[in-house]
Amino acid sequence: MTMSLAAMTAALLGRLSPAPGALLQEAIDVTVILNALRALLPAPGKDPARPGT
């Protein structure tokens, strides 16, 4: 969220043109999605086939 706000502020101030800004936003989005997908992975040292262990 902070990275997106920083990029929007830079664009607002004219420091970031539209095409690089769009690419930066896509990179931020991919990073956030990959980070969120980590929640689907089992915790280290846990056996997903044996819940409660």
Protein backbone atom coordinates (compact mmCIF):
# COMPACT_ATOMS: atom_id res chain seq x y z
CA MET A 1 0.00 0.00 0.00
CA THR A 2 2.79 2.39 0.89
CA MET A 3 4.64 1.66 -2.34
CA SER A 4 1.49 2.37 -4.37
CA LEU A 5 0.91 5.65 -2.54
CA ALA A 6 4.53 6.65 -3.09
CA ALA A 7 4.26 5.90 -6.81
CA MET A 8 0.98 7.85 -7.06
CA THR A 9 2.55 10.80 -5.28
CA ALA A 10 5.56 10.71 -7.60
CA ALA A 11 3.22 10.65 -10.61
CA LEU A 12 1.18 13.52 -9.18
CA LEU A 13 4.33 15.60 -8.81
CA GLY A 14 5.43 14.78 -12.37
CA ARG A 15 8.36 12.61 -11.32
CA LEU A 16 6.90 9.44 -12.86
CA SER A 17 5.48 9.29 -16.38
CA PRO A 18 2.47 7.07 -17.19
CA ALA A 19 4.21 4.11 -18.88
CA PRO A 20 6.89 3.52 -16.23
CA GLY A 21 4.26 4.24 -13.58
CA ALA A 22 2.02 1.51 -14.98
CA LEU A 23 4.90 -0.97 -15.05
CA LEU A 24 5.86 -0.06 -11.49
CA GLN A 25 2.25 -0.55 -10.37
CA GLU A 26 2.15 -3.98 -12.01
CA ALA A 27 5.36 -4.96 -10.22
CA ILE A 28 3.89 -3.77 -6.91
CA ASP A 29 0.69 -5.74 -7.59
CA VAL A 30 2.58 -8.95 -8.40
CA THR A 31 4.65 -8.57 -5.23
CA VAL A 32 1.53 -8.11 -3.10
CA ILE A 33 -0.20 -11.12 -4.71
CA LEU A 34 2.82 -13.38 -4.19
CA ASN A 35 3.08 -12.26 -0.59
CA ALA A 36 -0.62 -13.02 -0.03
CA LEU A 37 -0.24 -16.47 -1.58
CA ARG A 38 2.28 -17.35 1.13
CA ALA A 39 -0.71 -17.68 3.49
CA LEU A 40 -1.78 -20.76 1.55
CA LEU A 41 1.51 -22.56 2.20
CA PRO A 42 1.87 -24.80 5.24
CA ALA A 43 4.01 -23.45 8.06
CA PRO A 44 7.61 -24.65 8.06
CA GLY A 45 7.97 -27.90 9.98
CA LYS A 46 4.26 -28.70 9.75
CA ASP A 47 2.96 -31.76 7.91
CA PRO A 48 -0.16 -30.73 5.95
CA ALA A 49 -1.23 -34.39 5.80
CA ARG A 50 -1.40 -34.55 9.62
CA PRO A 51 -3.44 -31.62 10.95
CA GLY A 52 -3.03 -30.86 14.62
CA THR A 53 0.57 -32.09 14.81
